[in-house]
Protein backbone atom coordinates (compact mmCIF):
# COMPACT_ATOMS: atom_id res chain seq x y z
CA MET A 1 0.11 0.03 -0.16
CA GLU A 2 1.47 3.40 -1.08
CA GLU A 3 2.15 6.30 1.69
CA THR A 4 -0.37 9.15 1.43
CA ARG A 5 1.46 12.74 1.34
CA HIS A 6 -0.29 13.44 4.85
CA GLU A 7 1.33 9.99 6.28
CA ARG A 8 4.80 10.80 4.58
CA PHE A 9 4.58 14.33 6.01
CA LYS A 10 4.18 13.05 9.26
CA ARG A 11 7.07 10.44 9.17
CA VAL A 12 9.41 12.81 7.83
CA ALA A 13 8.77 15.89 9.95
CA SER A 14 8.68 13.66 13.21
CA LYS A 15 12.00 12.20 12.71
CA ARG A 16 13.33 15.71 11.38
CA THR A 17 11.75 17.37 14.41
CA ASN A 18 13.33 14.81 16.81
CA GLU A 19 16.57 15.34 15.09
CA ILE A 20 16.33 19.01 15.75
CA LEU A 21 15.41 18.86 19.22
CA GLU A 22 18.27 16.45 20.32
CA LYS A 23 20.88 18.83 18.42
CA ILE A 24 19.30 21.60 20.63
CA ARG A 25 19.74 19.57 23.55
CA ILE A 26 23.42 18.74 22.63
CA LEU A 27 23.97 22.46 21.97
CA GLY A 28 23.01 23.12 25.55
CA ASN A 29 25.85 20.95 26.69
CA CYS A 30 28.17 24.14 25.27
CA SER A 31 26.74 25.85 28.57
CA ASN A 32 29.20 23.88 30.85
CA LYS A 33 31.41 26.79 31.97
CA SER A 34 34.18 24.39 33.18
CA SER A 35 34.49 23.12 29.76
CA TYR A 36 33.81 26.04 27.78
CA GLU A 37 34.23 29.98 27.77
CA TYR A 38 31.93 32.26 25.98
CA THR A 39 30.23 35.58 26.20
CA GLU A 40 26.82 37.18 26.43
CA GLU A 41 27.00 38.17 23.06
CA GLU A 42 27.91 35.14 21.53
CA VAL A 43 24.95 33.41 23.14
CA ASN A 44 22.61 36.13 21.99
CA LYS A 45 24.07 35.43 18.44
CA ILE A 46 23.22 31.68 18.63
CA PHE A 47 19.87 32.23 19.97
CA SER A 48 19.01 35.36 17.54
CA GLU A 49 20.17 33.18 14.45
CA ILE A 50 17.84 30.24 15.69
CA ASP A 51 14.89 32.42 16.54
CA LYS A 52 15.52 33.91 12.82
CA GLN A 53 15.44 30.59 11.19
CA LEU A 54 12.57 29.52 13.03
CA LYS A 55 10.38 32.54 12.24
CA PHE A 56 11.33 32.15 8.68
CA THR A 57 10.48 28.21 8.49
CA LYS A 58 7.13 28.81 10.29
CA ALA A 59 6.49 31.38 7.69
CA LYS A 60 6.82 29.16 5.04
CA PHE A 61 4.39 26.75 6.54
CA LEU A 62 1.85 29.55 7.00
CA GLY A 63 2.11 30.72 3.45
CA GLY A 64 -0.63 33.22 2.50
CA LYS A 65 -1.65 33.90 6.31
CA ARG A 66 0.82 36.25 6.99
CA GLU A 67 -0.30 39.82 7.53
CA ARG A 68 0.71 42.13 4.87
CA PHE A 69 2.55 45.75 5.90
CA LYS A 70 0.21 48.73 5.64
CA LEU A 71 0.84 52.31 6.77
């Protein structure tokens, strides 16, 4: 039996989401100050980029649901 597009989405999206969550957990290991040295600016830069990519990706899913700019 052939997999439907929705079933394929659920399978692939679940796998990719779990991989991302694992990478985020692993990134958290870098917070160990006994092993690493970092500045607040570096941490802010990391999470700013993550936030930016999350917003961009979410917008792709929402498609035409975004509000347009108006003056």
